[in-house]
Amino acid sequence: MRDMSIVIYNTLSKKKEVFEPINTNRVGIYVCGITAYDYCHLGHARSAIVFDVIVRYLRYRGFKVTFVKNFTDIDDKIIARASREGKTIYEIAHRFIEAHDRDMEHLRVLPPDFTPRATDHINDMIELISRLVARGLAYETPEGDVYFAVNKYPNYGKLSHRNLEEMEAGARVEPTKRKRHPLDFALWKCSKEGEPAWESPWGKGRPGWHTECIVMSRHFLGETFDIHGGGEDLIFPHHENEIAQAEGVSNKPLARYWLHNGFIRVSGEKMSKSLGNVTTIKDILELWHPEIIRFFVLQSHYRSPIDISEVSLSEARTALRRFYTAKQAMLAHLSKGNNEEDPEMLAALERTKSKFIDAMDDDFNTARAIGYVFDFVRAFNNYLLRNPSKKVIIKAIETINEMGNVLGLFQEEPQTFLGADRERALRRYELDRGLIEQLIAERNEARSEKNWSRADEIRKILSSMRITLKDTPTGTEWSVD
C-alpha cells in the first residue's frame, strides 16, 4: 500500500510537499494538547478528531507512528480556578484531564502513545532555559523572570510568515522594565505569593507556556521529528515561539512538517468565551450522537473553517442515517443474495478504495474520501434491487468497514446507531417517549378497527412532533426527524 506518495500542506513553506519521514518506516507526531482548567469545547474536538484520523491513516499506510499529545497542568488559568475553588492545581488538572479523556473516548479518538504532563518535566525546562541564557538568546530580569530575546533570533516569524518589524509595529504591548522588546516572551515566571513554584537558578517560579511543548516533544521524539500539529490559532505566537527556542538551542529544525486545522465557527462567528458561544463536548454529546460530531468535522477539509449550527449538524445526521440505513439493507440482503461471483461489482469496490486512498494521500482530504464512500453506497443501493451476490455484499461491508476504520466512522451496527441517535433526538426536542408510544398504540388499535380517519389523525399529531412512522409486517417502526 506504500506505492503512492502522501502529500501534506506544510504551514512552514505554505505549500504541499511530498511526505518524507526522517526514518522510512517510522513517523513521530506531536500535537499540542489542552490546558486543563475547564471542560473541552468543540474546537478541541476538531483538532483531536483531525489528528486522530491523520495518525490512523499513516498507520493504515504502513507507518509505525509514535503519537505524543501533552497536557498543560500548570498555567495562570489553572492557578486562578484552583484559588477560586480552594483546590490544588493538581486536583483541578486531574479533574479536567479525566473529563477530556471521557470526551475523547466518546468521540472515538484513539489514545496517544504518550500523554506527558508539563509538571513532570520542569527540570528539563529549567535546563533548556539555562542553555538559552548561556547562548545569549534569553535574559533574566531583576525580579527573577526570564525572557526570550526575539531580536537575537534572526528567523523569528518564519512559521507565521511575518517579519519582526511588522510584528513590532502592530504589537500592543510596550517594552517594560522587565521586557526589552514588546514581543519577548516569558520562559520562566517568578512566583507570586501562594502560587505553585519550583526552585531554579533564577529563584522560585514556574515555566512559561511556550517552553513546555519543546521539552516534551524532544523528550519523546528527539531534537527533530516529523510532524508538529495543532489548531491554526497556535501558529502565532505559540508554535513560532517553540521554533525560536528549539532551533536557538540546537540549530536544528524542531519539526519537518507543520500542520494546522482550521477554526470552528458558531453561526459564522469564531468560537470564543468572550462571545459566549463556546459549546462543550460533554453538553453537545447529550443531544447529538458522537459519530454525527465526528462526521460533521470530517466532511470538511481539515484546513478549512467550518460553521456549526443545528442545520449543519442535522445535515450530518441525515447523511449518517442514510448510510446506516443502507448498511442495514446490505445486512438484510445477505440471506437473500445468490452465490455467484460478480467481477464487475468487485472491481467497483476496488476502485472506490483506490479513490479513497488517493483522496487521503492528498493532504488527508477526508471530505473527498467520504464523498467516494457515499457515491459507492448510493450505487450499491441500486445493486441491491437486483439479484445481488452474497460475496459482493460481504466484500462491500468489509471494504466500508476498512475505510470507516481510518475515519473512525461507520463502525456501529445499524440498529445500535439508529437507536442511540433516536434517544438523543428525543432529548434534543424534549419529546416524551411514553406519549409517542401511547399514540402509536392508539393508532394501531384504530387501524385494527378500520378507523382510518382516527389513524390518520394520530399520524398527523405524531408528524407535528417530528415523528415519522413506518408500518412493517412485524409492527410499526418510528424515528425522529
Protein backbone atom coordinates (compact mmCIF):
# COMPACT_ATOMS: atom_id res chain seq x y z
CA MET A 1 0.00 0.00 0.00
CA ARG A 2 3.03 2.32 0.08
CA ASP A 3 3.50 2.70 -3.68
CA MET A 4 1.91 6.16 -3.81
CA SER A 5 3.16 9.36 -2.21
CA ILE A 6 1.39 11.16 0.59
CA VAL A 7 1.33 14.92 0.10
CA ILE A 8 0.96 17.28 3.08
CA TYR A 9 0.39 21.03 3.25
CA ASN A 10 3.23 22.45 5.33
CA THR A 11 2.41 25.71 7.13
CA LEU A 12 6.15 26.47 7.19
CA SER A 13 6.51 26.50 3.39
CA LYS A 14 2.87 27.44 2.64
CA LYS A 15 2.67 24.68 0.04
CA LYS A 16 2.01 20.98 -0.35
CA GLU A 17 5.07 18.77 -0.01
CA VAL A 18 5.68 15.06 -0.53
CA PHE A 19 5.80 13.45 2.90
CA GLU A 20 9.25 12.01 3.53
CA PRO A 21 9.69 10.98 7.17
CA ILE A 22 13.09 11.11 8.81
CA ASN A 23 13.05 7.32 9.21
CA THR A 24 11.48 5.47 6.30
CA ASN A 25 9.01 3.35 8.25
CA ARG A 26 8.59 5.46 11.39
CA VAL A 27 6.75 8.72 12.00
CA GLY A 28 6.91 10.94 15.08
CA ILE A 29 3.93 13.27 15.64
CA TYR A 30 3.47 15.85 18.38
CA VAL A 31 0.22 17.76 18.86
CA CYS A 32 -0.39 20.45 21.46
CA GLY A 33 -2.99 19.30 23.96
CA ILE A 34 -5.35 21.10 26.30
CA THR A 35 -4.68 23.41 29.21
CA ALA A 36 -6.55 21.50 31.92
CA TYR A 37 -8.62 24.21 33.59
CA ASP A 38 -12.09 23.65 32.06
CA TYR A 39 -14.16 21.22 30.01
CA CYS A 40 -13.18 20.65 26.38
CA HIS A 41 -15.11 22.50 23.69
CA LEU A 42 -15.78 21.83 20.01
CA GLY A 43 -12.53 23.48 18.98
CA HIS A 44 -10.69 20.83 20.99
CA ALA A 45 -12.90 18.18 19.40
CA ARG A 46 -12.00 19.26 15.88
CA SER A 47 -8.25 19.22 16.49
CA ALA A 48 -8.46 15.86 18.27
CA ILE A 49 -10.53 14.24 15.51
CA VAL A 50 -8.36 15.66 12.71
CA PHE A 51 -5.08 14.41 14.13
CA ASP A 52 -6.65 11.10 15.19
CA VAL A 53 -7.52 10.48 11.53
CA ILE A 54 -4.05 11.53 10.39
CA VAL A 55 -2.49 9.05 12.80
CA ARG A 56 -4.96 6.33 11.80
CA TYR A 57 -4.26 6.90 8.11
CA LEU A 58 -0.49 6.86 8.43
CA ARG A 59 -0.75 3.58 10.31
CA TYR A 60 -3.12 2.26 7.64
CA ARG A 61 -0.49 3.11 5.03
CA GLY A 62 2.06 1.02 6.89
CA PHE A 63 3.97 3.50 9.04
CA LYS A 64 4.83 2.86 12.67
CA VAL A 65 3.60 6.05 14.31
CA THR A 66 4.60 7.42 17.70
CA PHE A 67 1.96 9.96 18.68
CA VAL A 68 2.54 12.37 21.57
CA LYS A 69 -0.03 14.83 22.91
CA ASN A 70 0.61 16.78 26.08
CA PHE A 71 -1.42 18.20 28.94
CA THR A 72 -0.60 21.65 30.29
CA ASP A 73 -1.22 21.25 34.03
CA ILE A 74 0.44 24.47 35.26
CA ASP A 75 -0.91 27.77 33.94
CA ASP A 76 -2.41 31.07 35.09
CA LYS A 77 -5.94 29.84 34.38
CA ILE A 78 -5.43 26.62 36.33
CA ILE A 79 -4.00 28.60 39.27
CA ALA A 80 -6.94 31.03 39.17
CA ARG A 81 -9.51 28.24 39.18
CA ALA A 82 -7.73 26.39 41.96
CA SER A 83 -7.75 29.59 44.02
CA ARG A 84 -11.49 30.17 43.39
CA GLU A 85 -12.42 26.61 44.34
CA GLY A 86 -9.96 26.18 47.20
CA LYS A 87 -8.27 23.27 45.41
CA THR A 88 -4.72 22.47 44.39
CA ILE A 89 -3.64 22.85 40.79
CA TYR A 90 -3.20 19.08 40.68
CA GLU A 91 -6.82 18.49 41.69
CA ILE A 92 -8.07 20.93 39.05
CA ALA A 93 -5.86 19.48 36.31
CA HIS A 94 -6.76 15.89 37.25
CA ARG A 95 -10.49 16.63 37.08
CA PHE A 96 -10.35 18.16 33.62
CA ILE A 97 -7.87 15.66 32.21
CA GLU A 98 -10.26 12.89 33.25
CA ALA A 99 -13.14 14.80 31.62
CA HIS A 100 -11.03 15.23 28.47
CA ASP A 101 -10.31 11.51 28.32
CA ARG A 102 -14.03 10.71 28.62
CA ASP A 103 -14.85 13.13 25.81
CA MET A 104 -12.18 11.63 23.56
CA GLU A 105 -13.40 8.10 24.25
CA HIS A 106 -16.95 9.10 23.28
CA LEU A 107 -15.64 10.72 20.07
CA ARG A 108 -13.66 7.52 19.30
CA VAL A 109 -10.36 9.36 19.39
CA LEU A 110 -7.66 6.75 19.98
CA PRO A 111 -5.37 7.42 22.97
CA PRO A 112 -1.94 8.86 22.02
CA ASP A 113 1.11 6.72 22.70
CA PHE A 114 2.30 9.26 25.27
CA THR A 115 0.39 11.97 27.15
CA PRO A 116 3.03 13.83 29.18
CA ARG A 117 2.14 16.48 31.75
CA ALA A 118 4.16 19.68 31.98
CA THR A 119 4.82 19.38 35.71
CA ASP A 120 6.67 16.08 35.14
CA HIS A 121 9.29 17.88 33.02
CA ILE A 122 10.10 21.03 35.00
CA ASN A 123 13.79 20.17 35.48
CA ASP A 124 14.23 19.65 31.73
CA MET A 125 12.60 23.02 31.10
CA ILE A 126 15.00 24.71 33.52
CA GLU A 127 17.91 23.07 31.71
CA LEU A 128 16.63 24.28 28.32
CA ILE A 129 16.13 27.84 29.57
CA SER A 130 19.64 27.83 31.08
CA ARG A 131 21.08 26.90 27.69
CA LEU A 132 19.18 29.74 26.01
CA VAL A 133 20.51 32.21 28.59
CA ALA A 134 24.04 30.89 28.07
CA ARG A 135 23.69 31.40 24.30
CA GLY A 136 22.56 34.98 24.74
CA LEU A 137 19.07 34.22 23.41
CA ALA A 138 17.38 34.83 26.76
CA TYR A 139 17.86 37.19 29.68
CA GLU A 140 16.98 37.34 33.35
CA THR A 141 15.24 40.33 34.91
CA PRO A 142 15.97 41.65 38.42
CA GLU A 143 12.63 40.22 39.55
CA GLY A 144 13.63 36.66 38.59
CA ASP A 145 11.73 36.33 35.29
CA VAL A 146 13.47 35.01 32.19
CA TYR A 147 12.50 36.20 28.69
CA PHE A 148 13.42 35.04 25.22
CA ALA A 149 15.01 37.87 23.23
CA VAL A 150 13.27 37.71 19.86
CA ASN A 151 15.63 40.16 18.19
CA LYS A 152 18.54 37.80 18.92
CA TYR A 153 16.94 35.07 16.81
CA PRO A 154 17.10 36.10 13.12
CA ASN A 155 14.48 33.62 11.87
CA TYR A 156 11.73 34.74 14.21
CA GLY A 157 8.45 34.85 12.29
CA LYS A 158 9.26 32.21 9.67
CA LEU A 159 6.32 29.95 10.56
CA SER A 160 3.71 32.72 10.64
CA HIS A 161 5.41 34.43 7.67
CA ARG A 162 5.80 37.76 9.43
CA ASN A 163 8.88 39.86 9.95
CA LEU A 164 9.90 41.32 13.28
CA GLU A 165 9.46 44.94 12.19
CA GLU A 166 5.84 44.36 11.12
CA MET A 167 5.09 42.47 14.30
CA GLU A 168 6.70 45.15 16.43
CA ALA A 169 4.70 47.88 14.68
CA GLY A 170 1.49 46.00 15.39
CA ALA A 171 2.35 44.99 18.93
CA ARG A 172 0.07 46.37 21.61
CA VAL A 173 2.43 45.55 24.45
CA GLU A 174 5.12 48.15 25.07
CA PRO A 175 8.55 47.22 26.44
CA THR A 176 8.62 47.33 30.24
CA LYS A 177 11.28 47.27 32.91
CA ARG A 178 11.08 43.50 32.62
CA LYS A 179 10.81 43.11 28.82
CA ARG A 180 13.34 44.65 26.46
CA HIS A 181 11.19 44.12 23.38
CA PRO A 182 7.37 44.04 23.17
CA LEU A 183 7.42 40.56 21.58
CA ASP A 184 9.85 38.97 24.05
CA PHE A 185 8.06 36.09 25.74
CA ALA A 186 8.38 34.54 29.19
CA LEU A 187 10.40 31.37 29.60
CA TRP A 188 10.33 31.47 33.40
CA LYS A 189 7.95 33.40 35.66
CA CYS A 190 8.93 34.37 39.18
CA SER A 191 6.48 33.09 41.77
CA LYS A 192 3.81 35.19 43.41
CA GLU A 193 2.65 34.61 46.94
CA GLY A 194 0.50 31.50 47.24
CA GLU A 195 1.28 30.20 43.73
CA PRO A 196 2.92 26.84 42.97
CA ALA A 197 6.66 27.24 42.43
CA TRP A 198 9.81 25.29 41.69
CA GLU A 199 13.41 26.10 42.55
CA SER A 200 15.55 27.39 39.68
CA PRO A 201 18.78 29.34 39.07
CA TRP A 202 16.62 32.48 38.89
CA GLY A 203 14.70 31.82 42.10
CA LYS A 204 11.35 30.18 42.73
CA GLY A 205 8.95 30.23 39.84
CA ARG A 206 7.36 28.23 37.04
CA PRO A 207 7.88 27.78 33.29
CA GLY A 208 6.17 29.78 30.60
CA TRP A 209 3.69 28.00 28.35
CA HIS A 210 5.80 28.25 25.20
CA THR A 211 8.64 26.22 26.72
CA GLU A 212 6.63 23.17 27.77
CA CYS A 213 5.97 21.56 24.40
CA ILE A 214 9.57 21.80 23.20
CA VAL A 215 10.86 19.86 26.16
CA MET A 216 8.15 17.21 26.00
CA SER A 217 8.30 16.73 22.22
CA ARG A 218 12.10 16.43 22.25
CA HIS A 219 11.95 14.04 25.21
CA PHE A 220 9.77 11.53 23.35
CA LEU A 221 10.60 12.19 19.69
CA GLY A 222 14.12 13.65 19.58
CA GLU A 223 15.51 17.03 18.57
CA THR A 224 13.87 16.87 15.14
CA PHE A 225 10.71 14.91 14.43
CA ASP A 226 8.29 14.59 11.53
CA ILE A 227 5.00 16.36 12.23
CA HIS A 228 4.03 19.06 14.70
CA GLY A 229 0.34 19.92 14.77
CA GLY A 230 -2.42 21.90 16.39
CA GLY A 231 -5.12 24.44 15.71
CA GLU A 232 -4.32 27.41 13.48
CA ASP A 233 -4.61 29.72 16.50
CA LEU A 234 -1.35 28.17 17.73
CA ILE A 235 0.72 29.22 14.70
CA PHE A 236 1.48 32.55 16.34
CA PRO A 237 2.73 33.01 18.92
CA HIS A 238 2.90 29.50 20.41
CA HIS A 239 4.44 27.47 17.61
CA GLU A 240 6.52 30.40 16.43
CA ASN A 241 7.97 30.65 19.93
CA GLU A 242 8.58 26.91 20.10
CA ILE A 243 10.65 27.07 16.91
CA ALA A 244 12.68 30.01 18.18
CA GLN A 245 13.62 28.21 21.39
CA ALA A 246 14.23 24.76 19.94
CA GLU A 247 16.27 25.92 16.97
CA GLY A 248 18.03 28.51 19.11
CA VAL A 249 19.31 25.71 21.33
CA SER A 250 20.11 23.02 18.76
CA ASN A 251 20.46 24.81 15.40
CA LYS A 252 18.25 22.00 14.07
CA PRO A 253 14.63 22.11 12.82
CA LEU A 254 12.13 21.20 15.52
CA ALA A 255 9.76 19.53 13.05
CA ARG A 256 9.82 18.92 9.30
CA TYR A 257 6.10 19.44 8.69
CA TRP A 258 3.76 21.82 10.50
CA LEU A 259 0.04 21.00 10.20
CA HIS A 260 -2.76 23.23 11.47
CA ASN A 261 -6.51 22.68 11.44
CA GLY A 262 -8.97 25.50 10.82
CA PHE A 263 -11.38 27.10 13.27
CA ILE A 264 -14.89 26.06 14.17
CA ARG A 265 -17.31 28.96 13.89
CA VAL A 266 -20.70 29.14 15.57
CA SER A 267 -23.26 30.70 13.22
CA GLY A 268 -20.50 32.48 11.34
CA GLU A 269 -18.53 33.76 14.33
CA LYS A 270 -15.27 32.37 15.67
CA MET A 271 -15.92 30.40 18.84
CA SER A 272 -14.74 32.32 21.91
CA LYS A 273 -15.67 32.68 25.55
CA SER A 274 -15.97 36.45 25.15
CA LEU A 275 -18.80 35.91 22.65
CA GLY A 276 -20.46 33.32 24.87
CA ASN A 277 -20.69 30.80 22.03
CA VAL A 278 -18.36 28.09 23.36
CA THR A 279 -20.05 24.68 23.30
CA THR A 280 -18.55 21.94 25.45
CA ILE A 281 -18.16 18.45 24.08
CA LYS A 282 -19.96 16.88 27.03
CA ASP A 283 -23.00 19.13 26.53
CA ILE A 284 -23.30 18.59 22.79
CA LEU A 285 -22.95 14.81 23.17
CA GLU A 286 -26.05 14.83 25.34
CA LEU A 287 -28.01 15.94 22.30
CA TRP A 288 -26.09 14.61 19.28
CA HIS A 289 -24.59 11.19 18.62
CA PRO A 290 -20.76 11.27 18.81
CA GLU A 291 -20.46 9.89 15.30
CA ILE A 292 -22.51 12.81 13.98
CA ILE A 293 -20.00 15.23 15.52
CA ARG A 294 -17.13 13.24 14.05
CA PHE A 295 -18.79 13.09 10.63
CA PHE A 296 -19.56 16.81 10.75
CA VAL A 297 -15.86 17.57 11.38
CA LEU A 298 -14.54 15.21 8.71
CA GLN A 299 -16.92 16.19 5.91
CA SER A 300 -14.81 19.37 5.51
CA HIS A 301 -11.10 19.57 4.75
CA TYR A 302 -9.15 19.94 7.99
CA ARG A 303 -7.62 23.29 6.97
CA SER A 304 -10.98 24.88 6.13
CA PRO A 305 -13.07 26.80 8.67
CA ILE A 306 -16.35 25.07 9.47
CA ASP A 307 -19.58 26.60 10.70
CA ILE A 308 -21.56 24.66 13.28
CA SER A 309 -25.28 25.13 13.75
CA GLU A 310 -28.34 22.98 14.27
CA VAL A 311 -28.80 22.99 10.50
CA SER A 312 -25.26 21.75 9.75
CA LEU A 313 -25.48 19.06 12.43
CA SER A 314 -28.90 17.99 11.14
CA GLU A 315 -27.45 17.65 7.65
CA ALA A 316 -24.63 15.48 9.00
CA ARG A 317 -27.20 13.40 10.89
CA THR A 318 -29.29 12.90 7.76
CA ALA A 319 -26.26 11.72 5.81
CA LEU A 320 -25.20 9.26 8.51
CA ARG A 321 -28.72 7.89 8.93
CA ARG A 322 -28.83 7.36 5.17
CA PHE A 323 -25.55 5.46 5.38
CA TYR A 324 -26.66 3.23 8.25
CA THR A 325 -29.98 2.54 6.56
CA ALA A 326 -28.00 1.40 3.51
CA LYS A 327 -25.78 -0.78 5.68
CA GLN A 328 -28.91 -2.24 7.26
CA ALA A 329 -30.16 -3.13 3.78
CA MET A 330 -26.84 -4.81 2.94
CA LEU A 331 -27.07 -6.98 6.04
CA ALA A 332 -30.70 -7.85 5.29
CA HIS A 333 -29.80 -8.98 1.76
CA LEU A 334 -27.11 -11.37 2.95
CA SER A 335 -29.74 -14.07 3.42
CA LYS A 336 -31.33 -13.37 0.01
CA GLY A 337 -28.31 -12.98 -2.24
CA ASN A 338 -27.03 -15.52 -4.75
CA ASN A 339 -23.72 -17.38 -4.51
CA GLU A 340 -22.33 -16.21 -7.84
CA GLU A 341 -19.22 -14.14 -8.50
CA ASP A 342 -19.66 -10.59 -9.74
CA PRO A 343 -16.30 -9.33 -11.05
CA GLU A 344 -17.76 -6.01 -12.17
CA MET A 345 -19.01 -5.05 -8.69
CA LEU A 346 -15.85 -6.35 -7.01
CA ALA A 347 -13.82 -4.14 -9.37
CA ALA A 348 -16.06 -1.18 -8.47
CA LEU A 349 -15.25 -1.81 -4.81
CA GLU A 350 -11.53 -1.79 -5.52
CA ARG A 351 -11.88 1.45 -7.48
CA THR A 352 -13.69 3.04 -4.55
CA LYS A 353 -10.92 2.02 -2.17
CA SER A 354 -8.29 3.30 -4.58
CA LYS A 355 -10.05 6.67 -4.89
CA PHE A 356 -10.40 6.81 -1.10
CA ILE A 357 -6.62 6.34 -0.75
CA ASP A 358 -5.95 8.96 -3.44
CA ALA A 359 -8.07 11.46 -1.51
CA MET A 360 -6.38 10.73 1.80
CA ASP A 361 -2.93 10.86 0.18
CA ASP A 362 -3.77 14.40 -0.94
CA ASP A 363 -3.28 16.22 2.37
CA PHE A 364 -5.69 13.94 4.25
CA ASN A 365 -8.72 15.10 2.27
CA THR A 366 -11.43 13.42 4.35
CA ALA A 367 -14.17 15.43 2.64
CA ARG A 368 -13.37 13.89 -0.75
CA ALA A 369 -12.75 10.46 0.78
CA ILE A 370 -16.18 10.45 2.45
CA GLY A 371 -17.73 11.56 -0.84
CA TYR A 372 -16.32 8.49 -2.58
CA VAL A 373 -17.73 6.21 0.14
CA PHE A 374 -21.19 7.75 -0.26
CA ASP A 375 -21.02 7.58 -4.05
CA PHE A 376 -20.42 3.86 -3.76
CA VAL A 377 -23.17 3.36 -1.17
CA ARG A 378 -25.69 5.10 -3.43
CA ALA A 379 -24.69 2.89 -6.35
CA PHE A 380 -24.82 -0.20 -4.15
CA ASN A 381 -28.38 0.59 -3.07
CA ASN A 382 -29.39 0.16 -6.72
CA TYR A 383 -27.36 -3.04 -6.95
CA LEU A 384 -29.33 -4.49 -4.02
CA LEU A 385 -32.55 -4.05 -6.01
CA ARG A 386 -31.22 -6.59 -8.49
CA ASN A 387 -30.27 -10.18 -7.59
CA PRO A 388 -27.12 -9.36 -5.58
CA SER A 389 -24.19 -11.63 -4.87
CA LYS A 390 -23.58 -12.56 -1.21
CA LYS A 391 -19.85 -12.47 -1.84
CA VAL A 392 -20.10 -8.91 -3.13
CA ILE A 393 -22.23 -7.81 -0.18
CA ILE A 394 -19.74 -9.31 2.28
CA LYS A 395 -16.85 -7.67 0.45
CA ALA A 396 -18.70 -4.33 0.36
CA ILE A 397 -19.29 -4.39 4.12
CA GLU A 398 -15.64 -5.34 4.73
CA THR A 399 -14.39 -2.53 2.47
CA ILE A 400 -16.65 0.09 4.01
CA ASN A 401 -15.59 -1.01 7.49
CA GLU A 402 -11.94 -0.79 6.40
CA MET A 403 -12.32 2.76 5.12
CA GLY A 404 -14.51 3.66 8.07
CA ASN A 405 -11.87 2.47 10.49
CA VAL A 406 -9.46 5.02 9.02
CA LEU A 407 -12.05 7.76 9.61
CA GLY A 408 -13.37 6.41 12.90
CA LEU A 409 -16.82 6.22 11.26
CA PHE A 410 -19.36 3.60 10.14
CA GLN A 411 -18.32 1.10 12.83
CA GLU A 412 -21.59 0.53 14.70
CA GLU A 413 -24.32 -1.95 13.95
CA PRO A 414 -27.12 -0.03 12.22
CA GLN A 415 -29.72 -0.71 14.90
CA THR A 416 -27.30 0.41 17.61
CA PHE A 417 -26.53 3.69 15.87
CA LEU A 418 -30.13 4.43 14.88
CA GLY A 419 -31.38 3.64 18.38
CA ALA A 420 -28.77 5.79 20.15
CA ASP A 421 -29.38 8.62 17.68
CA ARG A 422 -33.13 8.46 18.33
CA GLU A 423 -32.61 8.72 22.09
CA ARG A 424 -30.59 11.90 21.67
CA ALA A 425 -33.15 13.33 19.26
CA LEU A 426 -35.84 12.79 21.92
CA ARG A 427 -33.73 14.77 24.40
CA ARG A 428 -32.87 17.43 21.83
CA TYR A 429 -36.52 18.19 21.05
CA GLU A 430 -37.78 17.40 24.57
CA LEU A 431 -40.12 14.69 23.34
CA ASP A 432 -41.95 12.26 25.62
CA ARG A 433 -41.24 8.67 24.59
CA GLY A 434 -44.19 7.39 26.67
CA LEU A 435 -46.61 9.71 24.92
CA ILE A 436 -45.24 8.75 21.49
CA GLU A 437 -45.60 5.03 22.16
CA GLN A 438 -49.10 5.58 23.59
CA LEU A 439 -50.18 7.42 20.45
CA ILE A 440 -48.68 4.68 18.24
CA ALA A 441 -50.59 2.05 20.23
CA GLU A 442 -53.82 4.04 19.80
CA ARG A 443 -53.18 4.36 16.08
CA ASN A 444 -52.57 0.61 15.74
CA GLU A 445 -55.83 -0.05 17.58
CA ALA A 446 -57.66 2.38 15.30
CA ARG A 447 -56.20 0.63 12.26
CA SER A 448 -57.24 -2.78 13.57
CA GLU A 449 -60.78 -1.39 13.91
CA LYS A 450 -60.51 0.09 10.37
CA ASN A 451 -60.97 3.55 11.86
CA TRP A 452 -58.79 5.14 9.19
CA SER A 453 -59.70 8.73 9.94
CA ARG A 454 -58.59 8.36 13.59
CA ALA A 455 -55.40 6.57 12.48
CA ASP A 456 -54.61 9.40 10.04
CA GLU A 457 -55.36 11.99 12.72
CA ILE A 458 -52.86 10.34 15.11
CA ARG A 459 -50.24 10.11 12.34
CA LYS A 460 -50.61 13.88 11.78
CA ILE A 461 -50.22 14.54 15.53
CA LEU A 462 -47.05 12.45 15.59
CA SER A 463 -45.77 14.16 12.44
CA SER A 464 -46.17 17.55 14.14
CA MET A 465 -43.96 16.15 16.91
CA ARG A 466 -41.27 15.28 14.30
CA ILE A 467 -42.14 11.56 14.44
CA THR A 468 -42.10 9.54 11.21
CA LEU A 469 -43.85 6.16 11.15
CA LYS A 470 -43.08 3.12 9.04
CA ASP A 471 -45.55 0.24 9.06
CA THR A 472 -43.83 -3.15 8.56
CA PRO A 473 -45.01 -6.78 8.72
CA THR A 474 -43.53 -7.01 12.21
CA GLY A 475 -45.05 -3.78 13.55
CA THR A 476 -44.80 -0.01 13.41
CA GLU A 477 -41.34 1.50 13.49
CA TRP A 478 -40.76 5.15 14.34
CA SER A 479 -37.99 7.69 14.09
CA VAL A 480 -37.42 11.34 14.98
CA ASP A 481 -36.93 13.71 12.04
